[in-house]
N, C-alpha and C. Protein backbone atom coordinates (compact mmCIF):
# COMPACT_ATOMS: atom_id res chain seq x y z
N MET A 1 27.63 -4.47 -10.48
CA MET A 1 26.24 -4.40 -10.06
C MET A 1 25.36 -5.37 -10.82
N ASN A 2 25.91 -6.37 -11.43
CA ASN A 2 25.14 -7.35 -12.17
C ASN A 2 24.61 -8.41 -11.21
N ARG A 3 23.66 -8.01 -10.42
CA ARG A 3 23.09 -8.90 -9.42
C ARG A 3 22.14 -9.91 -10.04
N TYR A 4 21.48 -9.54 -11.14
CA TYR A 4 20.49 -10.39 -11.79
C TYR A 4 20.83 -10.53 -13.26
N SER A 5 20.46 -11.66 -13.84
CA SER A 5 20.69 -11.87 -15.26
C SER A 5 19.43 -12.47 -15.87
N GLY A 6 19.42 -12.60 -17.17
CA GLY A 6 18.29 -13.19 -17.87
C GLY A 6 17.01 -12.41 -17.63
N GLU A 7 15.92 -13.14 -17.46
CA GLU A 7 14.61 -12.52 -17.26
C GLU A 7 14.57 -11.71 -15.96
N GLU A 8 15.26 -12.18 -14.94
CA GLU A 8 15.31 -11.44 -13.67
C GLU A 8 16.01 -10.10 -13.85
N GLY A 9 17.07 -10.07 -14.64
CA GLY A 9 17.77 -8.83 -14.93
C GLY A 9 16.89 -7.86 -15.71
N LYS A 10 16.12 -8.40 -16.64
CA LYS A 10 15.20 -7.56 -17.41
C LYS A 10 14.13 -6.96 -16.50
N GLN A 11 13.59 -7.77 -15.59
CA GLN A 11 12.58 -7.27 -14.66
C GLN A 11 13.19 -6.23 -13.72
N PHE A 12 14.39 -6.46 -13.25
CA PHE A 12 15.11 -5.51 -12.41
C PHE A 12 15.21 -4.15 -13.11
N ARG A 13 15.62 -4.16 -14.37
CA ARG A 13 15.75 -2.90 -15.12
C ARG A 13 14.39 -2.25 -15.37
N ARG A 14 13.35 -3.06 -15.60
CA ARG A 14 12.01 -2.48 -15.79
C ARG A 14 11.53 -1.80 -14.53
N VAL A 15 11.75 -2.41 -13.37
CA VAL A 15 11.33 -1.79 -12.11
C VAL A 15 12.07 -0.46 -11.91
N ILE A 16 13.34 -0.41 -12.26
CA ILE A 16 14.08 0.86 -12.19
C ILE A 16 13.42 1.89 -13.10
N ARG A 17 13.10 1.48 -14.33
CA ARG A 17 12.47 2.43 -15.27
C ARG A 17 11.11 2.91 -14.75
N TYR A 18 10.32 2.00 -14.13
CA TYR A 18 9.02 2.41 -13.60
C TYR A 18 9.20 3.50 -12.53
N LEU A 19 10.15 3.27 -11.63
CA LEU A 19 10.37 4.24 -10.55
C LEU A 19 10.94 5.56 -11.08
N LYS A 20 11.79 5.49 -12.08
CA LYS A 20 12.31 6.73 -12.67
C LYS A 20 11.19 7.49 -13.38
N ARG A 21 10.29 6.77 -14.03
CA ARG A 21 9.14 7.43 -14.68
C ARG A 21 8.26 8.10 -13.63
N TRP A 22 8.02 7.39 -12.53
CA TRP A 22 7.24 7.95 -11.44
C TRP A 22 7.92 9.21 -10.90
N LYS A 23 9.23 9.15 -10.69
CA LYS A 23 10.00 10.30 -10.19
C LYS A 23 9.86 11.48 -11.13
N ASP A 24 10.03 11.24 -12.43
CA ASP A 24 9.94 12.32 -13.42
C ASP A 24 8.53 12.94 -13.44
N TYR A 25 7.52 12.09 -13.35
CA TYR A 25 6.14 12.60 -13.36
C TYR A 25 5.87 13.43 -12.11
N GLN A 26 6.31 12.96 -10.95
CA GLN A 26 6.10 13.71 -9.71
C GLN A 26 6.86 15.04 -9.75
N LYS A 27 8.08 15.03 -10.29
CA LYS A 27 8.86 16.28 -10.40
C LYS A 27 8.18 17.25 -11.36
N SER A 28 7.58 16.74 -12.44
CA SER A 28 6.90 17.62 -13.40
C SER A 28 5.70 18.30 -12.78
N LYS A 29 5.10 17.67 -11.78
CA LYS A 29 3.98 18.27 -11.06
C LYS A 29 4.47 19.21 -9.95
N GLY A 30 5.79 19.22 -9.72
CA GLY A 30 6.36 20.09 -8.70
C GLY A 30 6.14 19.62 -7.27
N VAL A 31 5.94 18.31 -7.10
CA VAL A 31 5.64 17.78 -5.76
C VAL A 31 6.69 16.78 -5.26
N MET A 32 7.85 16.75 -5.94
CA MET A 32 8.84 15.74 -5.60
C MET A 32 10.19 16.39 -5.35
N PRO A 33 10.84 16.03 -4.24
CA PRO A 33 12.21 16.51 -4.04
C PRO A 33 13.10 15.97 -5.17
N SER A 34 14.18 16.63 -5.42
CA SER A 34 15.05 16.29 -6.54
C SER A 34 15.94 15.10 -6.20
N ILE A 35 15.40 13.91 -6.34
CA ILE A 35 16.17 12.69 -6.12
C ILE A 35 16.82 12.29 -7.45
N THR A 36 18.02 11.81 -7.41
CA THR A 36 18.74 11.47 -8.63
C THR A 36 18.33 10.09 -9.15
N GLY A 37 18.59 9.88 -10.44
CA GLY A 37 18.32 8.58 -11.04
C GLY A 37 19.17 7.48 -10.43
N ILE A 38 20.41 7.80 -10.07
CA ILE A 38 21.27 6.78 -9.45
C ILE A 38 20.72 6.38 -8.08
N ALA A 39 20.13 7.32 -7.36
CA ALA A 39 19.52 6.97 -6.06
C ALA A 39 18.36 6.00 -6.25
N ILE A 40 17.56 6.22 -7.29
CA ILE A 40 16.45 5.30 -7.60
C ILE A 40 17.02 3.93 -7.97
N THR A 41 18.05 3.90 -8.78
CA THR A 41 18.67 2.63 -9.17
C THR A 41 19.19 1.87 -7.96
N ILE A 42 19.85 2.56 -7.05
CA ILE A 42 20.40 1.91 -5.86
C ILE A 42 19.29 1.47 -4.92
N LEU A 43 18.23 2.25 -4.82
CA LEU A 43 17.07 1.85 -4.01
C LEU A 43 16.57 0.49 -4.51
N VAL A 44 16.43 0.34 -5.83
CA VAL A 44 15.96 -0.93 -6.39
C VAL A 44 17.02 -2.01 -6.19
N TYR A 45 18.28 -1.67 -6.35
CA TYR A 45 19.37 -2.62 -6.17
C TYR A 45 19.27 -3.32 -4.80
N TYR A 46 18.99 -2.55 -3.77
CA TYR A 46 18.93 -3.10 -2.42
C TYR A 46 17.60 -3.79 -2.09
N HIS A 47 16.51 -3.41 -2.73
CA HIS A 47 15.19 -3.85 -2.28
C HIS A 47 14.40 -4.70 -3.27
N PHE A 48 14.92 -4.91 -4.45
CA PHE A 48 14.24 -5.70 -5.48
C PHE A 48 14.38 -7.19 -5.22
N SER A 49 13.31 -7.91 -5.49
CA SER A 49 13.39 -9.37 -5.58
C SER A 49 12.49 -9.79 -6.74
N PRO A 50 12.97 -10.67 -7.61
CA PRO A 50 12.18 -11.07 -8.78
C PRO A 50 10.85 -11.69 -8.36
N GLN A 51 9.81 -11.40 -9.12
CA GLN A 51 8.47 -11.92 -8.84
C GLN A 51 7.88 -12.49 -10.12
N TYR A 52 7.10 -13.54 -9.97
CA TYR A 52 6.55 -14.25 -11.13
C TYR A 52 5.07 -14.50 -10.97
N LYS A 53 4.35 -14.44 -12.10
CA LYS A 53 2.96 -14.89 -12.13
C LYS A 53 2.97 -16.42 -12.12
N ASP A 54 3.91 -16.97 -12.88
CA ASP A 54 4.07 -18.41 -12.95
C ASP A 54 5.56 -18.69 -13.02
N ARG A 55 6.14 -19.19 -11.94
CA ARG A 55 7.57 -19.42 -11.85
C ARG A 55 8.04 -20.50 -12.83
N PHE A 56 7.20 -21.51 -13.03
CA PHE A 56 7.59 -22.61 -13.90
C PHE A 56 7.60 -22.19 -15.37
N ALA A 57 6.68 -21.31 -15.75
CA ALA A 57 6.65 -20.80 -17.12
C ALA A 57 7.55 -19.57 -17.27
N ASN A 58 8.19 -19.16 -16.17
CA ASN A 58 9.08 -18.01 -16.16
C ASN A 58 8.37 -16.73 -16.63
N THR A 59 7.11 -16.57 -16.18
CA THR A 59 6.30 -15.41 -16.53
C THR A 59 6.44 -14.36 -15.43
N PRO A 60 7.14 -13.24 -15.73
CA PRO A 60 7.38 -12.24 -14.69
C PRO A 60 6.12 -11.48 -14.31
N ASP A 61 6.07 -11.01 -13.09
CA ASP A 61 4.97 -10.18 -12.59
C ASP A 61 5.58 -8.85 -12.14
N ASP A 62 5.64 -7.90 -13.07
CA ASP A 62 6.30 -6.62 -12.79
C ASP A 62 5.58 -5.81 -11.73
N LEU A 63 4.26 -5.87 -11.72
CA LEU A 63 3.52 -5.10 -10.71
C LEU A 63 3.84 -5.63 -9.32
N LEU A 64 3.88 -6.94 -9.17
CA LEU A 64 4.24 -7.51 -7.87
C LEU A 64 5.69 -7.20 -7.52
N ALA A 65 6.59 -7.21 -8.50
CA ALA A 65 8.00 -6.87 -8.25
C ALA A 65 8.12 -5.42 -7.78
N LEU A 66 7.38 -4.51 -8.41
CA LEU A 66 7.39 -3.11 -7.99
C LEU A 66 6.81 -2.98 -6.59
N LYS A 67 5.70 -3.65 -6.32
CA LYS A 67 5.07 -3.61 -4.99
C LYS A 67 6.02 -4.15 -3.93
N SER A 68 6.66 -5.27 -4.22
CA SER A 68 7.59 -5.88 -3.29
C SER A 68 8.78 -4.96 -3.01
N THR A 69 9.31 -4.33 -4.06
CA THR A 69 10.43 -3.40 -3.90
C THR A 69 10.04 -2.24 -2.98
N LEU A 70 8.87 -1.67 -3.23
CA LEU A 70 8.39 -0.55 -2.40
C LEU A 70 8.13 -0.99 -0.97
N ASP A 71 7.51 -2.15 -0.81
CA ASP A 71 7.25 -2.68 0.54
C ASP A 71 8.56 -2.84 1.31
N ASN A 72 9.57 -3.42 0.65
CA ASN A 72 10.86 -3.64 1.30
C ASN A 72 11.52 -2.32 1.68
N TYR A 73 11.47 -1.34 0.78
CA TYR A 73 12.08 -0.04 1.07
C TYR A 73 11.36 0.67 2.21
N LEU A 74 10.03 0.65 2.20
CA LEU A 74 9.28 1.32 3.27
C LEU A 74 9.49 0.64 4.62
N THR A 75 9.67 -0.67 4.62
CA THR A 75 9.99 -1.36 5.87
C THR A 75 11.30 -0.83 6.43
N GLU A 76 12.28 -0.66 5.57
CA GLU A 76 13.58 -0.13 6.01
C GLU A 76 13.44 1.31 6.52
N LEU A 77 12.64 2.13 5.82
CA LEU A 77 12.43 3.50 6.28
C LEU A 77 11.80 3.53 7.67
N ARG A 78 10.82 2.67 7.89
CA ARG A 78 10.13 2.63 9.18
C ARG A 78 11.04 2.14 10.30
N MET A 79 12.10 1.41 9.93
CA MET A 79 13.08 0.96 10.93
C MET A 79 14.11 2.05 11.22
N GLY A 80 13.98 3.19 10.53
CA GLY A 80 14.87 4.32 10.80
C GLY A 80 16.02 4.47 9.84
N ASN A 81 16.13 3.60 8.85
CA ASN A 81 17.21 3.71 7.85
C ASN A 81 16.77 4.66 6.75
N LYS A 82 17.15 5.92 6.86
CA LYS A 82 16.67 6.95 5.94
C LYS A 82 17.57 7.17 4.74
N GLY A 83 18.70 6.50 4.67
CA GLY A 83 19.64 6.75 3.58
C GLY A 83 19.54 5.73 2.46
N ILE A 84 20.13 6.10 1.33
CA ILE A 84 20.34 5.18 0.22
C ILE A 84 21.85 5.21 -0.01
N ILE A 85 22.53 4.14 0.41
CA ILE A 85 24.00 4.11 0.43
C ILE A 85 24.53 3.50 -0.87
N LEU A 86 25.41 4.22 -1.52
CA LEU A 86 26.07 3.74 -2.72
C LEU A 86 26.84 2.47 -2.36
N PRO A 87 26.65 1.36 -3.11
CA PRO A 87 27.29 0.10 -2.74
C PRO A 87 28.78 0.00 -3.11
N VAL A 88 29.31 1.02 -3.73
CA VAL A 88 30.74 1.04 -4.10
C VAL A 88 31.37 2.29 -3.51
N ASP A 89 32.70 2.33 -3.47
CA ASP A 89 33.36 3.52 -2.94
C ASP A 89 32.93 4.75 -3.71
N PRO A 90 32.62 5.82 -3.03
CA PRO A 90 32.93 6.19 -1.66
C PRO A 90 31.85 5.80 -0.65
N LYS A 91 30.86 4.97 -1.08
CA LYS A 91 29.80 4.47 -0.19
C LYS A 91 29.10 5.60 0.58
N ASN A 92 28.83 6.67 -0.14
CA ASN A 92 28.15 7.79 0.51
C ASN A 92 26.63 7.63 0.44
N ASN A 93 25.96 8.38 1.29
CA ASN A 93 24.50 8.41 1.34
C ASN A 93 24.02 9.31 0.20
N LEU A 94 23.27 8.78 -0.73
CA LEU A 94 22.80 9.54 -1.88
C LEU A 94 21.70 10.54 -1.52
N LEU A 95 21.21 10.47 -0.29
CA LEU A 95 20.20 11.43 0.17
C LEU A 95 20.78 12.39 1.22
N GLU A 96 22.10 12.41 1.36
CA GLU A 96 22.72 13.19 2.42
C GLU A 96 22.48 14.70 2.29
N LYS A 97 22.22 15.19 1.09
CA LYS A 97 21.98 16.62 0.92
C LYS A 97 20.51 17.00 1.08
N PHE A 98 19.66 16.00 1.32
CA PHE A 98 18.24 16.28 1.55
C PHE A 98 18.06 16.91 2.92
N THR A 99 17.18 17.89 2.98
CA THR A 99 16.80 18.45 4.27
C THR A 99 15.83 17.49 4.94
N THR A 100 15.55 17.71 6.20
CA THR A 100 14.57 16.88 6.91
C THR A 100 13.23 16.94 6.20
N LYS A 101 12.83 18.12 5.75
CA LYS A 101 11.56 18.30 5.04
C LYS A 101 11.56 17.54 3.72
N GLN A 102 12.66 17.57 2.97
CA GLN A 102 12.74 16.84 1.71
C GLN A 102 12.67 15.33 1.95
N LEU A 103 13.31 14.84 2.99
CA LEU A 103 13.23 13.42 3.33
C LEU A 103 11.80 13.02 3.68
N GLU A 104 11.13 13.87 4.45
CA GLU A 104 9.73 13.61 4.80
C GLU A 104 8.85 13.60 3.55
N ASP A 105 9.07 14.58 2.66
CA ASP A 105 8.28 14.65 1.43
C ASP A 105 8.52 13.41 0.55
N PHE A 106 9.77 12.98 0.45
CA PHE A 106 10.09 11.80 -0.34
C PHE A 106 9.42 10.57 0.26
N GLU A 107 9.49 10.44 1.57
CA GLU A 107 8.84 9.29 2.23
C GLU A 107 7.34 9.32 2.01
N THR A 108 6.74 10.50 2.08
CA THR A 108 5.30 10.62 1.84
C THR A 108 4.96 10.20 0.41
N LYS A 109 5.74 10.67 -0.56
CA LYS A 109 5.47 10.35 -1.96
C LYS A 109 5.67 8.86 -2.25
N ILE A 110 6.69 8.28 -1.68
CA ILE A 110 6.94 6.86 -1.94
C ILE A 110 5.87 6.00 -1.25
N THR A 111 5.35 6.47 -0.11
CA THR A 111 4.25 5.78 0.56
C THR A 111 2.98 5.86 -0.28
N GLU A 112 2.72 7.03 -0.86
CA GLU A 112 1.55 7.18 -1.74
C GLU A 112 1.66 6.25 -2.95
N LEU A 113 2.86 6.16 -3.51
CA LEU A 113 3.09 5.26 -4.64
C LEU A 113 2.84 3.81 -4.23
N GLN A 114 3.37 3.42 -3.08
CA GLN A 114 3.20 2.04 -2.61
C GLN A 114 1.72 1.72 -2.43
N LYS A 115 0.95 2.66 -1.88
CA LYS A 115 -0.49 2.43 -1.68
C LYS A 115 -1.20 2.28 -3.01
N ALA A 116 -0.86 3.13 -4.00
CA ALA A 116 -1.49 3.04 -5.31
C ALA A 116 -1.15 1.72 -6.00
N VAL A 117 0.10 1.30 -5.91
CA VAL A 117 0.52 0.04 -6.52
C VAL A 117 -0.18 -1.14 -5.81
N ALA A 118 -0.30 -1.08 -4.50
CA ALA A 118 -0.98 -2.15 -3.75
C ALA A 118 -2.46 -2.22 -4.14
N ILE A 119 -3.10 -1.06 -4.28
CA ILE A 119 -4.51 -1.04 -4.70
C ILE A 119 -4.65 -1.64 -6.10
N ALA A 120 -3.78 -1.21 -7.02
CA ALA A 120 -3.82 -1.73 -8.39
C ALA A 120 -3.56 -3.23 -8.41
N TYR A 121 -2.61 -3.69 -7.61
CA TYR A 121 -2.28 -5.11 -7.59
C TYR A 121 -3.44 -5.95 -7.04
N ASN A 122 -4.12 -5.45 -6.03
CA ASN A 122 -5.19 -6.21 -5.38
C ASN A 122 -6.54 -6.09 -6.07
N ASP A 123 -6.69 -5.14 -6.97
CA ASP A 123 -7.96 -4.93 -7.65
C ASP A 123 -8.13 -5.97 -8.76
N VAL A 124 -9.28 -6.60 -8.80
CA VAL A 124 -9.54 -7.61 -9.84
C VAL A 124 -9.93 -6.98 -11.17
N ASP A 125 -10.30 -5.69 -11.14
CA ASP A 125 -10.70 -5.00 -12.36
C ASP A 125 -9.48 -4.31 -12.98
N PRO A 126 -8.98 -4.79 -14.12
CA PRO A 126 -7.79 -4.19 -14.72
C PRO A 126 -7.98 -2.74 -15.15
N ILE A 127 -9.20 -2.36 -15.46
CA ILE A 127 -9.46 -0.96 -15.84
C ILE A 127 -9.24 -0.05 -14.64
N ARG A 128 -9.78 -0.43 -13.48
CA ARG A 128 -9.58 0.38 -12.26
C ARG A 128 -8.10 0.38 -11.87
N SER A 129 -7.42 -0.74 -12.05
CA SER A 129 -5.99 -0.80 -11.76
C SER A 129 -5.22 0.19 -12.63
N CYS A 130 -5.55 0.25 -13.91
CA CYS A 130 -4.88 1.18 -14.82
C CYS A 130 -5.15 2.63 -14.41
N VAL A 131 -6.37 2.93 -14.01
CA VAL A 131 -6.70 4.29 -13.57
C VAL A 131 -5.87 4.66 -12.34
N GLU A 132 -5.74 3.74 -11.42
CA GLU A 132 -4.94 3.97 -10.21
C GLU A 132 -3.48 4.23 -10.56
N LEU A 133 -2.94 3.44 -11.47
CA LEU A 133 -1.54 3.59 -11.85
C LEU A 133 -1.30 4.85 -12.69
N ARG A 134 -2.27 5.22 -13.52
CA ARG A 134 -2.14 6.45 -14.31
C ARG A 134 -2.08 7.68 -13.39
N ALA A 135 -2.72 7.59 -12.24
CA ALA A 135 -2.70 8.72 -11.30
C ALA A 135 -1.30 8.97 -10.75
N VAL A 136 -0.47 7.94 -10.65
CA VAL A 136 0.87 8.11 -10.09
C VAL A 136 1.97 8.11 -11.14
N PHE A 137 1.72 7.49 -12.31
CA PHE A 137 2.73 7.43 -13.36
C PHE A 137 2.48 8.42 -14.49
N GLY A 138 1.29 9.01 -14.53
CA GLY A 138 0.99 9.99 -15.56
C GLY A 138 0.22 9.40 -16.73
N ASP A 139 -0.14 10.29 -17.64
CA ASP A 139 -0.97 9.89 -18.77
C ASP A 139 -0.25 9.02 -19.79
N ASP A 140 1.07 8.90 -19.68
CA ASP A 140 1.81 8.01 -20.57
C ASP A 140 1.58 6.54 -20.21
N PHE A 141 1.09 6.29 -18.99
CA PHE A 141 0.81 4.92 -18.60
C PHE A 141 -0.37 4.43 -19.44
N PRO A 142 -0.28 3.24 -20.01
CA PRO A 142 -1.34 2.79 -20.93
C PRO A 142 -2.69 2.63 -20.25
N GLU A 143 -3.72 2.99 -21.00
CA GLU A 143 -5.09 2.77 -20.55
C GLU A 143 -5.53 1.40 -21.06
N MET A 144 -6.49 0.83 -20.38
CA MET A 144 -7.04 -0.44 -20.83
C MET A 144 -8.50 -0.20 -21.17
N SER A 145 -8.90 -0.66 -22.33
CA SER A 145 -10.29 -0.52 -22.74
C SER A 145 -11.11 -1.69 -22.21
N LEU A 146 -12.40 -1.52 -22.26
CA LEU A 146 -13.31 -2.58 -21.84
C LEU A 146 -13.11 -3.82 -22.70
N ASP A 147 -12.88 -3.62 -24.00
CA ASP A 147 -12.65 -4.77 -24.89
C ASP A 147 -11.39 -5.53 -24.51
N GLU A 148 -10.33 -4.82 -24.17
CA GLU A 148 -9.08 -5.48 -23.80
C GLU A 148 -9.24 -6.26 -22.50
N SER A 149 -10.00 -5.71 -21.55
CA SER A 149 -10.15 -6.39 -20.27
C SER A 149 -11.08 -7.60 -20.38
N ALA A 150 -11.85 -7.67 -21.46
CA ALA A 150 -12.81 -8.76 -21.62
C ALA A 150 -12.30 -9.86 -22.55
N LYS A 151 -11.03 -9.81 -22.93
CA LYS A 151 -10.49 -10.85 -23.80
C LYS A 151 -10.67 -12.21 -23.15
N ARG A 152 -11.07 -13.14 -23.95
CA ARG A 152 -11.32 -14.47 -23.42
C ARG A 152 -10.10 -15.34 -23.58
N ASN A 153 -9.84 -16.11 -22.58
CA ASN A 153 -8.78 -17.11 -22.64
C ASN A 153 -9.38 -18.42 -23.12
N PRO A 154 -8.63 -19.21 -23.89
CA PRO A 154 -9.16 -20.52 -24.30
C PRO A 154 -9.34 -21.40 -23.07
N PRO A 155 -10.26 -22.35 -23.16
CA PRO A 155 -10.46 -23.23 -22.00
C PRO A 155 -9.19 -24.01 -21.66
N ALA A 156 -9.01 -24.24 -20.38
CA ALA A 156 -7.83 -24.96 -19.92
C ALA A 156 -7.87 -26.42 -20.31
N ILE A 157 -9.07 -26.99 -20.36
CA ILE A 157 -9.24 -28.39 -20.72
C ILE A 157 -10.25 -28.43 -21.87
N THR A 158 -9.87 -29.08 -22.94
CA THR A 158 -10.79 -29.20 -24.06
C THR A 158 -11.22 -30.64 -24.19
N HIS A 159 -12.36 -30.81 -24.77
CA HIS A 159 -12.91 -32.14 -24.95
C HIS A 159 -12.67 -32.56 -26.40
N SER A 160 -12.00 -33.68 -26.60
CA SER A 160 -11.67 -34.14 -27.96
C SER A 160 -12.76 -35.04 -28.52
N GLY A 161 -13.66 -35.47 -27.69
CA GLY A 161 -14.70 -36.36 -28.16
C GLY A 161 -14.33 -37.83 -28.05
N GLN A 162 -13.10 -38.14 -27.70
CA GLN A 162 -12.68 -39.52 -27.55
C GLN A 162 -12.48 -39.82 -26.07
N SER A 163 -12.82 -41.00 -25.68
CA SER A 163 -12.60 -41.37 -24.28
C SER A 163 -11.21 -42.00 -24.14
N ALA A 164 -10.72 -41.98 -22.94
CA ALA A 164 -9.38 -42.51 -22.70
C ALA A 164 -9.33 -43.96 -22.62
């Protein structure tokens, strides 16, 4: 299952951890069907694609990678593919023991997550983005203070005082 290596492999594993954290938080609230960690891993295995803020600087964009993974999975769900198939023998459906109601609940929860991630990704205010993500990932998700969001970046072009 070593589909990705280097920075892409690290991002792949982080996206898995984000979704497992989301699953655990939803289960702790009693609103999530009991999906296994391996099912989450395989969901990411099939639907993840590496995403970058800057491809040339190799700067990963985990929020976009998570959004893209969820978008890809929901597209497959809407096409009628309701299973998560183990990619190795016995190649069984990891959701085969879910009832119709549990499948519907899981689809609802994953859709809510995708909407929250999309809102956070599209919001220019990092504080509002963090609030949106804390609602789905729990209070362990880091908060951003006003001071942190106001950090200044150095100018892209500086003037040396000498002409060319």
